[in-house]
Structures are given as C-alpha cells and as structure tokens.
Amino acid sequence: MLYFINLVSTWAIPVILAFIPLYAYTKKVPVYDSFVDGAKDGFSTAISIIPHLVGMMVAISIFRASGALDYLISWVTPWIKNWGVPGEVLPLGLLRPLTGTGSLAFTTDLIRTYGPDSMIGRIASTIQGSTDTTLYVLTVYFGAVGIRNGRYALKVGLFSDVVGFVAAIAICLLVF
C-alpha cells in the first residue's frame, strides 16, 4: 500500500501538468495565448483582493493574540489524545482554515521538531495537503468577485476541513 501511495504521489503532478496542455492542444485551444490572457487578468485580481486580505489578516492576528486559539486547543487536546491522535497536530487543524502561511509555519516547526518520518510529521503533512484555507478563500476570492452572501459556502468549507483533518489522521494511522 505504501509503495502504491508513493508511486501515485510521485507521478500525479507531472502527469496532470503534461495532460492539461496536451488535452488543450487536441481541442485546438491556443495554450500559450490563453495562459498570457489569464496572467494579465491576474494583476487586476491581485489589486482588488488586497483590502480583503488585510482585513482577514488583522482578524486572525486578533484571534491569536487574544489567546482564544490557545484556550480552544487546551480544551480539545485531552479528548483527541484518548483516540490515539497526537495532540501536537490539533493546532494545525485549527489554524489551517484560518491562514495558509501560519499553518505552513506550524507544519514546518512540527517537522523540524519531530522529523518528517515521524507520525506527527506525516500527519501534519497530510493535513496540510488535505485541507484548505477556507476563510482565506471565502474572504479574498468572494470579496474579489463581489459575492456578499456566501450562503452555505462557509459551512461546507469548514465541514470539508473537518473531514480532511479526520481523514488525514485516520489514513496516516492506518498506513503508517
């Protein structure tokens, strides 16, 4: 099973990167021109998301500086340790929907402390790849295109993060 997972993880990205332009070429899509047009649109999008990005970063800083994150982690950690889950990965599950940079820094610190081949390092890496920065996506991208009412997007995004978090832990405990 580990061999199969390593094989898929090694070849998935190169195969996708080769497949997309080849598929576009067979459909007679001008690949390079489409890429350049998309890159031009990227500049205006980047400028329009800056206010939303600043607002989100200030809110996250207030949440972390207030101690609310630490309080939440100290309340939940004993519960997950009973299930065999290392408590060290819990802050990552809480940080990941909030901030990609913060969660990446936390993952880097876990890997530096426990090693990439430790269970904590493997779970942290899998969580990093199987969840998303939901609040960042909703704030920045919805703000950029002018969506004011996301309806179910927040609920579905956070539920997906919980599923990704639990699945990452379960798969790592099962495979490794």
Foldseek 3Di string as FASTA:
>chain_A
DVVVVVVCVVCVVVVVVVPVVVVCVVVVHPVVVVVVVVVVVVVVLVVQLVVLVVVLVVVVVCCVVVCVLVVVLVVCQVVVVVVVFHSLCVSLLVCFLRDLVVSVVSLVVQCVVPNCPDLSNQLSVQLSVQAHNQVSCCRRVCSSVVNPPPDCSSVVRNVSSVVSSVVSNVVSVVPD
